[in-house]
Amino acid sequence: MINPIFDKETLSNLEQTLKEANNIVIISHKSPDGDAVGSSIALQQYLEKKGLVSSVILPDKAPSFLNWMNGIDDIIIFDKQRKEVIDKLYHADVIFTLDFNDQLRVGNDMGKYLINSPAIKIMIDHHQAPKDYANYMFSDVKSCSTAQLIYEYIEANDDIELIDIPIAESIYTGIVTDSGSFRFSSTTPKTHEIASKLLEKGLDQSLIHESIYDVNTQDRLNLLGYTLNEKLEILEGGTVAIISLTRDEMLKFNTQKGYTEGFVNYALSILGVQIGIFVKEDEHLVKLSFRSKRDIPVNEFAKTFFEGGGHINAAGGRSDLSVLETIDKIKNHIGIFVKDNV
């Protein structure tokens, strides 16, 4: 069944808009993950099959475990190619914004150029409470990933035959990473149906899983071991687990971009734990990742106390406090939250 967010009249108008566009840009969020990169590359390659040239722009570099992806070397990085990105945003006729629902999710610096761009904007996203900034809004908060929505966009256009193996790989990467390898509650029968259709295209799913998850370095494993052995706290009768890392600790283990991806899931995997939290010191602020089981709305906790948001079971936030002060703030508020929700 076609996702109702992609109605025929809107898609027809959008197709005409794209045909008239000379400069098409595809953007995803800061600290891009598998869904951000996968959905962006898949859309670019699909548009190319339709005879439309586009550029993919990311605020900063994707983690190294995605370096195998077809098309990743063509992505323009704002942090490294600032002038080129500003020029493209200024001259863009159409901008797709993928996997985010607030233009400042690309960062305040790049965000001001995105906001001021005169381009027609098209949002394709699955996060809750989308901001009303786009001319075309394709938002489905029940979807497990933006990559799934890209598949459904292609499907609604009756273009499934245009999906080749590189496009299939990008869509599958976005789905598998944002669905927690199909274990999050946002995974639906439609998600598995799409995965099946991608396999029928000749997709090698075992190779993708290996490329994403079996690429540990000794430094990363040492960092993980240190984090779990030295930085793990269990709270609220065993229902909450917090792990944390300071910038100095990460430097000690030669931490590279992407090394801490998935660390929060180890906290959540502990028997009896219902909420896992990872607190990490970045260059200018402290970042938080929240995970939960069942219907515990960690996105509400992130939004209330840490300027964050996301999904019910997977959310993020930020703090201007130190790591220790941030953990103290969590401890001051998590008890009531657990009492109300766990």
C-alpha atoms as a PDB file:
ATOM      1  CA  MET A   1       0.000   0.000   0.000  1.00  0.00           C
ATOM      2  CA  ILE A   2       1.275   3.448  -0.940  1.00  0.00           C
ATOM      3  CA  ASN A   3       2.092   5.680   2.026  1.00  0.00           C
ATOM      4  CA  PRO A   4      -0.721   8.292   2.115  1.00  0.00           C
ATOM      5  CA  ILE A   5       1.706  11.159   2.757  1.00  0.00           C
ATOM      6  CA  PHE A   6       2.722  10.843  -0.910  1.00  0.00           C
ATOM      7  CA  ASP A   7      -0.553  11.805  -2.599  1.00  0.00           C
ATOM      8  CA  LYS A   8      -0.641  11.822  -6.390  1.00  0.00           C
ATOM      9  CA  GLU A   9      -1.530  15.488  -6.849  1.00  0.00           C
ATOM     10  CA  THR A  10       1.299  16.695  -4.624  1.00  0.00           C
ATOM     11  CA  LEU A  11       3.779  14.361  -6.322  1.00  0.00           C
ATOM     12  CA  SER A  12       2.667  15.588  -9.748  1.00  0.00           C
ATOM     13  CA  ASN A  13       3.244  19.198  -8.708  1.00  0.00           C
ATOM     14  CA  LEU A  14       6.615  18.285  -7.218  1.00  0.00           C
ATOM     15  CA  GLU A  15       7.693  16.472 -10.372  1.00  0.00           C
ATOM     16  CA  GLN A  16       6.967  19.588 -12.407  1.00  0.00           C
ATOM     17  CA  THR A  17       8.916  21.687  -9.904  1.00  0.00           C
ATOM     18  CA  LEU A  18      11.913  19.371 -10.224  1.00  0.00           C
ATOM     19  CA  LYS A  19      11.795  19.398 -14.032  1.00  0.00           C
ATOM     20  CA  GLU A  20      11.959  23.198 -14.003  1.00  0.00           C
ATOM     21  CA  ALA A  21      14.844  23.314 -11.500  1.00  0.00           C
ATOM     22  CA  ASN A  22      18.404  23.920 -12.661  1.00  0.00           C
ATOM     23  CA  ASN A  23      20.048  23.490  -9.282  1.00  0.00           C
ATOM     24  CA  ILE A  24      18.869  20.769  -6.887  1.00  0.00           C
ATOM     25  CA  VAL A  25      20.484  20.292  -3.484  1.00  0.00           C
ATOM     26  CA  ILE A  26      19.997  17.466  -0.965  1.00  0.00           C
ATOM     27  CA  ILE A  27      20.891  18.181   2.666  1.00  0.00           C
ATOM     28  CA  SER A  28      20.884  16.133   5.845  1.00  0.00           C
ATOM     29  CA  HIS A  29      21.658  16.885   9.474  1.00  0.00           C
ATOM     30  CA  LYS A  30      24.802  17.554  11.488  1.00  0.00           C
ATOM     31  CA  SER A  31      26.653  14.478  12.804  1.00  0.00           C
ATOM     32  CA  PRO A  32      25.175  12.393   9.975  1.00  0.00           C
ATOM     33  CA  ASP A  33      24.304   8.768  10.661  1.00  0.00           C
ATOM     34  CA  GLY A  34      23.483   5.838   8.408  1.00  0.00           C
ATOM     35  CA  ASP A  35      19.958   7.075   7.728  1.00  0.00           C
ATOM     36  CA  ALA A  36      21.079  10.614   6.895  1.00  0.00           C
ATOM     37  CA  VAL A  37      23.742   9.405   4.475  1.00  0.00           C
ATOM     38  CA  GLY A  38      21.780   6.475   3.076  1.00  0.00           C
ATOM     39  CA  SER A  39      18.625   8.455   2.341  1.00  0.00           C
ATOM     40  CA  SER A  40      20.607  11.326   0.778  1.00  0.00           C
ATOM     41  CA  ILE A  41      22.662   9.145  -1.543  1.00  0.00           C
ATOM     42  CA  ALA A  42      19.638   7.038  -2.493  1.00  0.00           C
ATOM     43  CA  LEU A  43      17.625  10.134  -3.411  1.00  0.00           C
ATOM     44  CA  GLN A  44      20.494  11.631  -5.422  1.00  0.00           C
ATOM     45  CA  GLN A  45      21.005   8.451  -7.415  1.00  0.00           C
ATOM     46  CA  TYR A  46      17.260   8.065  -7.989  1.00  0.00           C
ATOM     47  CA  LEU A  47      16.990  11.636  -9.284  1.00  0.00           C
ATOM     48  CA  GLU A  48      19.937  10.941 -11.573  1.00  0.00           C
ATOM     49  CA  LYS A  49      18.000   8.001 -13.038  1.00  0.00           C
ATOM     50  CA  LYS A  50      15.233  10.512 -13.758  1.00  0.00           C
ATOM     51  CA  GLY A  51      17.669  12.780 -15.599  1.00  0.00           C
ATOM     52  CA  LEU A  52      17.984  15.270 -12.734  1.00  0.00           C
ATOM     53  CA  VAL A  53      21.399  16.376 -11.455  1.00  0.00           C
ATOM     54  CA  SER A  54      21.717  17.149  -7.757  1.00  0.00           C
ATOM     55  CA  SER A  55      24.346  17.721  -5.074  1.00  0.00           C
ATOM     56  CA  VAL A  56      24.431  16.150  -1.612  1.00  0.00           C
ATOM     57  CA  ILE A  57      25.627  18.432   1.187  1.00  0.00           C
ATOM     58  CA  LEU A  58      26.345  17.445   4.778  1.00  0.00           C
ATOM     59  CA  PRO A  59      27.321  19.845   7.578  1.00  0.00           C
ATOM     60  CA  ASP A  60      30.216  17.596   8.636  1.00  0.00           C
ATOM     61  CA  LYS A  61      31.815  14.331   7.648  1.00  0.00           C
ATOM     62  CA  ALA A  62      30.042  10.996   7.993  1.00  0.00           C
ATOM     63  CA  PRO A  63      31.584   8.310  10.238  1.00  0.00           C
ATOM     64  CA  SER A  64      34.211   6.091   8.643  1.00  0.00           C
ATOM     65  CA  PHE A  65      32.097   2.922   8.820  1.00  0.00           C
ATOM     66  CA  LEU A  66      30.061   4.366   5.937  1.00  0.00           C
ATOM     67  CA  ASN A  67      33.065   4.979   3.676  1.00  0.00           C
ATOM     68  CA  TRP A  68      32.234   1.902   1.571  1.00  0.00           C
ATOM     69  CA  MET A  69      29.015   3.438   0.235  1.00  0.00           C
ATOM     70  CA  ASN A  70      28.713   4.174  -3.463  1.00  0.00           C
ATOM     71  CA  GLY A  71      28.574   7.960  -3.914  1.00  0.00           C
ATOM     72  CA  ILE A  72      29.917   8.983  -0.518  1.00  0.00           C
ATOM     73  CA  ASP A  73      33.040  10.546  -2.050  1.00  0.00           C
ATOM     74  CA  ASP A  74      30.865  12.965  -4.026  1.00  0.00           C
ATOM     75  CA  ILE A  75      29.275  14.478  -0.917  1.00  0.00           C
ATOM     76  CA  ILE A  76      30.144  18.134  -0.260  1.00  0.00           C
ATOM     77  CA  ILE A  77      31.065  18.865   3.380  1.00  0.00           C
ATOM     78  CA  PHE A  78      30.258  22.309   4.782  1.00  0.00           C
ATOM     79  CA  ASP A  79      33.065  22.159   7.356  1.00  0.00           C
ATOM     80  CA  LYS A  80      35.632  21.669   4.567  1.00  0.00           C
ATOM     81  CA  GLN A  81      34.004  23.356   1.553  1.00  0.00           C
ATOM     82  CA  ARG A  82      32.220  26.269   3.160  1.00  0.00           C
ATOM     83  CA  LYS A  83      32.287  28.696   0.217  1.00  0.00           C
ATOM     84  CA  GLU A  84      31.048  26.059  -2.234  1.00  0.00           C
ATOM     85  CA  VAL A  85      28.168  25.104   0.052  1.00  0.00           C
ATOM     86  CA  ILE A  86      27.117  28.730   0.614  1.00  0.00           C
ATOM     87  CA  ASP A  87      27.157  29.305  -3.151  1.00  0.00           C
ATOM     88  CA  LYS A  88      25.064  26.200  -3.807  1.00  0.00           C
ATOM     89  CA  LEU A  89      22.507  27.155  -1.179  1.00  0.00           C
ATOM     90  CA  TYR A  90      22.250  30.681  -2.562  1.00  0.00           C
ATOM     91  CA  HIS A  91      21.750  29.503  -6.155  1.00  0.00           C
ATOM     92  CA  ALA A  92      19.610  26.433  -5.414  1.00  0.00           C
ATOM     93  CA  ASP A  93      16.175  26.218  -7.014  1.00  0.00           C
ATOM     94  CA  VAL A  94      15.125  23.225  -4.922  1.00  0.00           C
ATOM     95  CA  ILE A  95      16.478  21.927  -1.610  1.00  0.00           C
ATOM     96  CA  PHE A  96      15.524  18.532  -0.202  1.00  0.00           C
ATOM     97  CA  THR A  97      15.971  18.418   3.579  1.00  0.00           C
ATOM     98  CA  LEU A  98      16.228  14.807   4.688  1.00  0.00           C
ATOM     99  CA  ASP A  99      16.073  13.221   8.138  1.00  0.00           C
ATOM    100  CA  PHE A 100      15.533  16.425  10.110  1.00  0.00           C
ATOM    101  CA  ASN A 101      12.546  18.623  10.897  1.00  0.00           C
ATOM    102  CA  ASP A 102      14.178  21.899  11.960  1.00  0.00           C
ATOM    103  CA  GLN A 103      16.552  23.800   9.684  1.00  0.00           C
ATOM    104  CA  LEU A 104      18.951  24.468  12.558  1.00  0.00           C
ATOM    105  CA  ARG A 105      19.609  20.707  12.811  1.00  0.00           C
ATOM    106  CA  VAL A 106      22.334  21.346  10.240  1.00  0.00           C
ATOM    107  CA  GLY A 107      24.054  23.566  12.825  1.00  0.00           C
ATOM    108  CA  ASN A 108      23.566  27.255  13.532  1.00  0.00           C
ATOM    109  CA  ASP A 109      26.285  28.332  11.100  1.00  0.00           C
ATOM    110  CA  MET A 110      25.098  26.414   8.042  1.00  0.00           C
ATOM    111  CA  GLY A 111      21.515  26.770   9.215  1.00  0.00           C
ATOM    112  CA  LYS A 112      21.410  30.520   8.639  1.00  0.00           C
ATOM    113  CA  TYR A 113      22.311  30.009   4.968  1.00  0.00           C
ATOM    114  CA  LEU A 114      19.731  27.258   4.605  1.00  0.00           C
ATOM    115  CA  ILE A 115      17.021  29.387   6.228  1.00  0.00           C
ATOM    116  CA  ASN A 116      17.827  32.376   3.984  1.00  0.00           C
ATOM    117  CA  SER A 117      17.991  30.357   0.774  1.00  0.00           C
ATOM    118  CA  PRO A 118      15.241  31.362  -1.680  1.00  0.00           C
ATOM    119  CA  ALA A 119      14.917  27.774  -2.891  1.00  0.00           C
ATOM    120  CA  ILE A 120      11.750  25.692  -2.804  1.00  0.00           C
ATOM    121  CA  LYS A 121      12.207  23.327   0.146  1.00  0.00           C
ATOM    122  CA  ILE A 122      11.059  19.730   0.380  1.00  0.00           C
ATOM    123  CA  MET A 123      11.093  17.950   3.731  1.00  0.00           C
ATOM    124  CA  ILE A 124      11.211  14.157   3.872  1.00  0.00           C
ATOM    125  CA  ASP A 125      11.492  13.107   7.499  1.00  0.00           C
ATOM    126  CA  HIS A 126      10.216  10.848  10.284  1.00  0.00           C
ATOM    127  CA  HIS A 127      10.925  12.844  13.456  1.00  0.00           C
ATOM    128  CA  GLN A 128       8.168  14.106  15.714  1.00  0.00           C
ATOM    129  CA  ALA A 129       6.907  17.702  15.845  1.00  0.00           C
ATOM    130  CA  PRO A 130       8.196  18.951  12.461  1.00  0.00           C
ATOM    131  CA  LYS A 131       8.676  22.683  12.025  1.00  0.00           C
ATOM    132  CA  ASP A 132       6.573  24.286   9.294  1.00  0.00           C
ATOM    133  CA  TYR A 133       9.315  25.566   6.990  1.00  0.00           C
ATOM    134  CA  ALA A 134       9.009  23.509   3.799  1.00  0.00           C
ATOM    135  CA  ASN A 135       6.950  24.087   0.662  1.00  0.00           C
ATOM    136  CA  TYR A 136       6.438  20.323   0.447  1.00  0.00           C
ATOM    137  CA  MET A 137       6.256  18.350   3.705  1.00  0.00           C
ATOM    138  CA  PHE A 138       6.425  14.562   3.608  1.00  0.00           C
ATOM    139  CA  SER A 139       6.493  13.713   7.290  1.00  0.00           C
ATOM    140  CA  ASP A 140       5.667  10.310   8.783  1.00  0.00           C
ATOM    141  CA  VAL A 141       6.585  10.016  12.461  1.00  0.00           C
ATOM    142  CA  LYS A 142       5.605   6.330  12.471  1.00  0.00           C
ATOM    143  CA  SER A 143       8.244   5.392   9.914  1.00  0.00           C
ATOM    144  CA  CYS A 144      11.411   3.719  11.185  1.00  0.00           C
ATOM    145  CA  SER A 145      13.680   5.819   8.968  1.00  0.00           C
ATOM    146  CA  THR A 146      13.894   8.480   6.305  1.00  0.00           C
ATOM    147  CA  ALA A 147      15.432   5.854   4.033  1.00  0.00           C
ATOM    148  CA  GLN A 148      12.172   3.921   4.207  1.00  0.00           C
ATOM    149  CA  LEU A 149      10.352   7.109   3.183  1.00  0.00           C
ATOM    150  CA  ILE A 150      12.697   7.519   0.210  1.00  0.00           C
ATOM    151  CA  TYR A 151      11.729   4.018  -0.927  1.00  0.00           C
ATOM    152  CA  GLU A 152       8.065   4.904  -0.477  1.00  0.00           C
ATOM    153  CA  TYR A 153       8.571   8.148  -2.413  1.00  0.00           C
ATOM    154  CA  ILE A 154      10.061   6.164  -5.290  1.00  0.00           C
ATOM    155  CA  GLU A 155       7.250   3.628  -4.976  1.00  0.00           C
ATOM    156  CA  ALA A 156       4.569   6.335  -5.053  1.00  0.00           C
ATOM    157  CA  ASN A 157       6.122   7.636  -8.284  1.00  0.00           C
ATOM    158  CA  ASP A 158       5.808   4.136  -9.816  1.00  0.00           C
ATOM    159  CA  ASP A 159       9.582   4.035 -10.254  1.00  0.00           C
ATOM    160  CA  ILE A 160      10.562   0.894  -8.335  1.00  0.00           C
ATOM    161  CA  GLU A 161      12.229  -0.454 -11.486  1.00  0.00           C
ATOM    162  CA  LEU A 162      14.769   2.403 -11.229  1.00  0.00           C
ATOM    163  CA  ILE A 163      16.148   1.038  -7.955  1.00  0.00           C
ATOM    164  CA  ASP A 164      19.477  -0.610  -8.741  1.00  0.00           C
ATOM    165  CA  ILE A 165      21.903  -2.235  -6.294  1.00  0.00           C
ATOM    166  CA  PRO A 166      23.664   1.022  -5.210  1.00  0.00           C
ATOM    167  CA  ILE A 167      20.301   2.674  -4.465  1.00  0.00           C
ATOM    168  CA  ALA A 168      19.112  -0.475  -2.700  1.00  0.00           C
ATOM    169  CA  GLU A 169      22.278  -0.520  -0.584  1.00  0.00           C
ATOM    170  CA  SER A 170      21.788   3.089   0.489  1.00  0.00           C
ATOM    171  CA  ILE A 171      18.133   2.578   1.403  1.00  0.00           C
ATOM    172  CA  TYR A 172      18.899  -0.637   3.292  1.00  0.00           C
ATOM    173  CA  THR A 173      21.747   1.053   5.180  1.00  0.00           C
ATOM    174  CA  GLY A 174      19.420   3.816   6.351  1.00  0.00           C
ATOM    175  CA  ILE A 175      16.743   1.355   7.392  1.00  0.00           C
ATOM    176  CA  VAL A 176      19.003  -1.088   9.210  1.00  0.00           C
ATOM    177  CA  THR A 177      20.899   1.573  11.167  1.00  0.00           C
ATOM    178  CA  ASP A 178      17.872   3.645  12.213  1.00  0.00           C
ATOM    179  CA  SER A 179      15.726   0.634  13.091  1.00  0.00           C
ATOM    180  CA  GLY A 180      18.425  -0.867  15.301  1.00  0.00           C
ATOM    181  CA  SER A 181      18.781  -3.763  12.867  1.00  0.00           C
ATOM    182  CA  PHE A 182      14.967  -4.123  12.790  1.00  0.00           C
ATOM    183  CA  ARG A 183      14.573  -4.349  16.578  1.00  0.00           C
ATOM    184  CA  PHE A 184      13.039  -0.942  17.411  1.00  0.00           C
ATOM    185  CA  SER A 185       9.261  -0.724  17.764  1.00  0.00           C
ATOM    186  CA  SER A 186       9.114   1.591  14.725  1.00  0.00           C
ATOM    187  CA  THR A 187       9.892  -1.443  12.553  1.00  0.00           C
ATOM    188  CA  THR A 188       6.662  -2.408  10.791  1.00  0.00           C
ATOM    189  CA  PRO A 189       5.529  -5.104   8.349  1.00  0.00           C
ATOM    190  CA  LYS A 190       6.096  -2.487   5.638  1.00  0.00           C
ATOM    191  CA  THR A 191       9.728  -2.163   6.745  1.00  0.00           C
ATOM    192  CA  HIS A 192      10.291  -5.897   6.298  1.00  0.00           C
ATOM    193  CA  GLU A 193       8.423  -5.837   3.002  1.00  0.00           C
ATOM    194  CA  ILE A 194      10.759  -3.118   1.713  1.00  0.00           C
ATOM    195  CA  ALA A 195      13.809  -5.067   2.905  1.00  0.00           C
ATOM    196  CA  SER A 196      12.477  -8.088   1.028  1.00  0.00           C
ATOM    197  CA  LYS A 197      12.014  -6.056  -2.156  1.00  0.00           C
ATOM    198  CA  LEU A 198      15.568  -4.747  -1.854  1.00  0.00           C
ATOM    199  CA  LEU A 199      16.884  -8.293  -1.485  1.00  0.00           C
ATOM    200  CA  GLU A 200      15.031  -9.218  -4.659  1.00  0.00           C
ATOM    201  CA  LYS A 201      17.040  -6.498  -6.403  1.00  0.00           C
ATOM    202  CA  GLY A 202      20.204  -8.494  -5.623  1.00  0.00           C
ATOM    203  CA  LEU A 203      21.197  -6.747  -2.406  1.00  0.00           C
ATOM    204  CA  ASP A 204      23.828  -8.571  -0.316  1.00  0.00           C
ATOM    205  CA  GLN A 205      22.577  -7.770   3.183  1.00  0.00           C
ATOM    206  CA  SER A 206      25.308  -9.778   4.935  1.00  0.00           C
ATOM    207  CA  LEU A 207      27.988  -7.685   3.242  1.00  0.00           C
ATOM    208  CA  ILE A 208      26.261  -4.472   4.343  1.00  0.00           C
ATOM    209  CA  HIS A 209      26.010  -5.638   7.967  1.00  0.00           C
ATOM    210  CA  GLU A 210      29.675  -6.625   7.864  1.00  0.00           C
ATOM    211  CA  SER A 211      30.664  -3.250   6.363  1.00  0.00           C
ATOM    212  CA  ILE A 212      28.753  -1.327   9.029  1.00  0.00           C
ATOM    213  CA  TYR A 213      29.230  -3.375  12.192  1.00  0.00           C
ATOM    214  CA  ASP A 214      32.359  -5.509  11.749  1.00  0.00           C
ATOM    215  CA  VAL A 215      34.874  -2.693  11.331  1.00  0.00           C
ATOM    216  CA  ASN A 216      36.194  -2.264  14.860  1.00  0.00           C
ATOM    217  CA  THR A 217      39.701  -1.039  15.483  1.00  0.00           C
ATOM    218  CA  GLN A 218      41.657  -1.991  18.592  1.00  0.00           C
ATOM    219  CA  ASP A 219      41.386   1.624  19.794  1.00  0.00           C
ATOM    220  CA  ARG A 220      37.586   1.533  19.529  1.00  0.00           C
ATOM    221  CA  LEU A 221      37.334  -1.757  21.404  1.00  0.00           C
ATOM    222  CA  ASN A 222      39.677  -0.439  24.082  1.00  0.00           C
ATOM    223  CA  LEU A 223      37.506   2.675  24.366  1.00  0.00           C
ATOM    224  CA  LEU A 224      34.361   0.555  24.659  1.00  0.00           C
ATOM    225  CA  GLY A 225      35.952  -1.662  27.297  1.00  0.00           C
ATOM    226  CA  TYR A 226      37.058   1.357  29.320  1.00  0.00           C
ATOM    227  CA  THR A 227      33.611   2.957  29.041  1.00  0.00           C
ATOM    228  CA  LEU A 228      31.772  -0.132  30.265  1.00  0.00           C
ATOM    229  CA  ASN A 229      34.294  -1.022  32.971  1.00  0.00           C
ATOM    230  CA  GLU A 230      34.958   2.432  34.379  1.00  0.00           C
ATOM    231  CA  LYS A 231      32.128   4.785  33.357  1.00  0.00           C
ATOM    232  CA  LEU A 232      28.926   2.780  33.855  1.00  0.00           C
ATOM    233  CA  GLU A 233      26.388   3.739  36.527  1.00  0.00           C
ATOM    234  CA  ILE A 234      23.169   1.875  37.326  1.00  0.00           C
ATOM    235  CA  LEU A 235      20.360   3.939  38.876  1.00  0.00           C
ATOM    236  CA  GLU A 236      16.752   3.742  39.993  1.00  0.00           C
ATOM    237  CA  GLY A 237      16.742   0.136  41.146  1.00  0.00           C
ATOM    238  CA  GLY A 238      18.478  -1.111  38.030  1.00  0.00           C
ATOM    239  CA  THR A 239      16.116   0.489  35.512  1.00  0.00           C
ATOM    240  CA  VAL A 240      18.462   3.245  34.294  1.00  0.00           C
ATOM    241  CA  ALA A 241      22.040   2.907  33.034  1.00  0.00           C
ATOM    242  CA  ILE A 242      24.314   5.878  32.310  1.00  0.00           C
ATOM    243  CA  ILE A 243      27.665   5.757  30.570  1.00  0.00           C
ATOM    244  CA  SER A 244      29.821   8.798  29.899  1.00  0.00           C
ATOM    245  CA  LEU A 245      33.037   9.974  28.303  1.00  0.00           C
ATOM    246  CA  THR A 246      34.973  13.214  28.612  1.00  0.00           C
ATOM    247  CA  ARG A 247      36.939  14.673  25.735  1.00  0.00           C
ATOM    248  CA  ASP A 248      40.233  13.848  27.496  1.00  0.00           C
ATOM    249  CA  GLU A 249      39.178  10.226  27.898  1.00  0.00           C
ATOM    250  CA  MET A 250      38.331   9.944  24.212  1.00  0.00           C
ATOM    251  CA  LEU A 251      41.630  11.533  23.192  1.00  0.00           C
ATOM    252  CA  LYS A 252      43.440   8.978  25.345  1.00  0.00           C
ATOM    253  CA  PHE A 253      42.048   6.219  23.125  1.00  0.00           C
ATOM    254  CA  ASN A 254      42.648   8.041  19.820  1.00  0.00           C
ATOM    255  CA  THR A 255      38.897   8.288  19.290  1.00  0.00           C
ATOM    256  CA  GLN A 256      37.822   8.920  15.698  1.00  0.00           C
ATOM    257  CA  LYS A 257      34.446  10.064  14.362  1.00  0.00           C
ATOM    258  CA  GLY A 258      31.954   7.238  14.691  1.00  0.00           C
ATOM    259  CA  TYR A 259      33.816   5.348  17.429  1.00  0.00           C
ATOM    260  CA  THR A 260      31.058   5.909  20.005  1.00  0.00           C
ATOM    261  CA  GLU A 261      28.236   5.030  17.607  1.00  0.00           C
ATOM    262  CA  GLY A 262      25.988   2.504  19.333  1.00  0.00           C
ATOM    263  CA  PHE A 263      27.601   2.783  22.775  1.00  0.00           C
ATOM    264  CA  VAL A 264      24.274   3.791  24.307  1.00  0.00           C
ATOM    265  CA  ASN A 265      22.779   0.469  23.217  1.00  0.00           C
ATOM    266  CA  TYR A 266      25.184  -1.401  25.501  1.00  0.00           C
ATOM    267  CA  ALA A 267      23.741   0.483  28.456  1.00  0.00           C
ATOM    268  CA  LEU A 268      20.214  -0.409  27.366  1.00  0.00           C
ATOM    269  CA  SER A 269      21.121  -4.081  26.847  1.00  0.00           C
ATOM    270  CA  ILE A 270      21.765  -4.701  30.555  1.00  0.00           C
ATOM    271  CA  LEU A 271      19.189  -7.040  32.086  1.00  0.00           C
ATOM    272  CA  GLY A 272      16.479  -5.010  33.821  1.00  0.00           C
ATOM    273  CA  VAL A 273      17.521  -1.668  32.349  1.00  0.00           C
ATOM    274  CA  GLN A 274      14.664   0.199  30.663  1.00  0.00           C
ATOM    275  CA  ILE A 275      16.476   3.481  29.898  1.00  0.00           C
ATOM    276  CA  GLY A 276      20.031   3.814  28.582  1.00  0.00           C
ATOM    277  CA  ILE A 277      21.811   7.177  28.507  1.00  0.00           C
ATOM    278  CA  PHE A 278      25.162   8.098  26.977  1.00  0.00           C
ATOM    279  CA  VAL A 279      26.771  11.421  27.896  1.00  0.00           C
ATOM    280  CA  LYS A 280      29.682  12.537  25.709  1.00  0.00           C
ATOM    281  CA  GLU A 281      31.761  15.703  25.796  1.00  0.00           C
ATOM    282  CA  ASP A 282      32.111  17.258  22.361  1.00  0.00           C
ATOM    283  CA  GLU A 283      34.318  20.184  21.366  1.00  0.00           C
ATOM    284  CA  HIS A 284      31.983  22.950  22.530  1.00  0.00           C
ATOM    285  CA  LEU A 285      29.166  21.172  24.381  1.00  0.00           C
ATOM    286  CA  VAL A 286      28.043  17.909  25.923  1.00  0.00           C
ATOM    287  CA  LYS A 287      25.871  15.624  23.790  1.00  0.00           C
ATOM    288  CA  LEU A 288      23.401  13.090  25.135  1.00  0.00           C
ATOM    289  CA  SER A 289      21.874   9.973  23.581  1.00  0.00           C
ATOM    290  CA  PHE A 290      18.804   8.341  25.097  1.00  0.00           C
ATOM    291  CA  ARG A 291      17.371   4.881  24.409  1.00  0.00           C
ATOM    292  CA  SER A 292      14.429   3.102  25.991  1.00  0.00           C
ATOM    293  CA  LYS A 293      12.354  -0.041  25.808  1.00  0.00           C
ATOM    294  CA  ARG A 294       8.641  -0.484  25.180  1.00  0.00           C
ATOM    295  CA  ASP A 295       6.744   2.829  25.197  1.00  0.00           C
ATOM    296  CA  ILE A 296       8.954   4.848  27.558  1.00  0.00           C
ATOM    297  CA  PRO A 297       9.130   8.346  25.943  1.00  0.00           C
ATOM    298  CA  VAL A 298      12.762   9.351  26.363  1.00  0.00           C
ATOM    299  CA  ASN A 299      12.203  12.020  23.714  1.00  0.00           C
ATOM    300  CA  GLU A 300      10.064  13.886  26.257  1.00  0.00           C
ATOM    301  CA  PHE A 301      12.834  13.725  28.870  1.00  0.00           C
ATOM    302  CA  ALA A 302      15.365  14.971  26.293  1.00  0.00           C
ATOM    303  CA  LYS A 303      13.079  17.808  25.227  1.00  0.00           C
ATOM    304  CA  THR A 304      12.209  18.900  28.773  1.00  0.00           C
ATOM    305  CA  PHE A 305      15.710  18.979  30.225  1.00  0.00           C
ATOM    306  CA  PHE A 306      18.263  18.961  27.383  1.00  0.00           C
ATOM    307  CA  GLU A 307      16.899  20.975  24.419  1.00  0.00           C
ATOM    308  CA  GLY A 308      16.486  17.722  22.549  1.00  0.00           C
ATOM    309  CA  GLY A 309      13.943  15.417  21.030  1.00  0.00           C
ATOM    310  CA  GLY A 310      13.607  12.538  18.619  1.00  0.00           C
ATOM    311  CA  HIS A 311      11.610   9.345  18.827  1.00  0.00           C
ATOM    312  CA  ILE A 312       9.898   7.669  21.765  1.00  0.00           C
ATOM    313  CA  ASN A 313      12.666   5.076  22.115  1.00  0.00           C
ATOM    314  CA  ALA A 314      15.598   6.986  20.634  1.00  0.00           C
ATOM    315  CA  ALA A 315      16.361  10.633  21.276  1.00  0.00           C
ATOM    316  CA  GLY A 316      19.195  13.102  21.627  1.00  0.00           C
ATOM    317  CA  GLY A 317      19.953  16.236  23.577  1.00  0.00           C
ATOM    318  CA  ARG A 318      22.623  18.772  24.489  1.00  0.00           C
ATOM    319  CA  SER A 319      24.007  20.421  27.591  1.00  0.00           C
ATOM    320  CA  ASP A 320      26.194  23.454  28.235  1.00  0.00           C
ATOM    321  CA  LEU A 321      27.261  21.970  31.566  1.00  0.00           C
ATOM    322  CA  SER A 322      30.261  19.725  32.155  1.00  0.00           C
ATOM    323  CA  VAL A 323      29.879  15.948  31.866  1.00  0.00           C
ATOM    324  CA  LEU A 324      29.701  15.548  35.653  1.00  0.00           C
ATOM    325  CA  GLU A 325      27.230  18.415  36.020  1.00  0.00           C
ATOM    326  CA  THR A 326      25.121  16.980  33.206  1.00  0.00           C
ATOM    327  CA  ILE A 327      25.018  13.588  34.920  1.00  0.00           C
ATOM    328  CA  ASP A 328      24.006  15.289  38.176  1.00  0.00           C
ATOM    329  CA  LYS A 329      21.173  17.027  36.313  1.00  0.00           C
ATOM    330  CA  ILE A 330      20.018  13.679  34.922  1.00  0.00           C
ATOM    331  CA  LYS A 331      20.061  12.172  38.408  1.00  0.00           C
ATOM    332  CA  ASN A 332      18.052  15.092  39.796  1.00  0.00           C
ATOM    333  CA  HIS A 333      15.215  14.520  37.326  1.00  0.00           C
ATOM    334  CA  ILE A 334      15.281  10.884  36.211  1.00  0.00           C
ATOM    335  CA  GLY A 335      13.649   9.540  39.383  1.00  0.00           C
ATOM    336  CA  ILE A 336      10.327  11.278  38.803  1.00  0.00           C
ATOM    337  CA  PHE A 337      10.448  10.391  35.109  1.00  0.00           C
ATOM    338  CA  VAL A 338      10.999   6.705  35.938  1.00  0.00           C
ATOM    339  CA  LYS A 339       8.195   6.770  38.493  1.00  0.00           C
ATOM    340  CA  ASP A 340       5.795   8.185  35.905  1.00  0.00           C
ATOM    341  CA  ASN A 341       6.828   6.027  32.954  1.00  0.00           C
ATOM    342  CA  VAL A 342       8.555   2.794  33.919  1.00  0.00           C
END
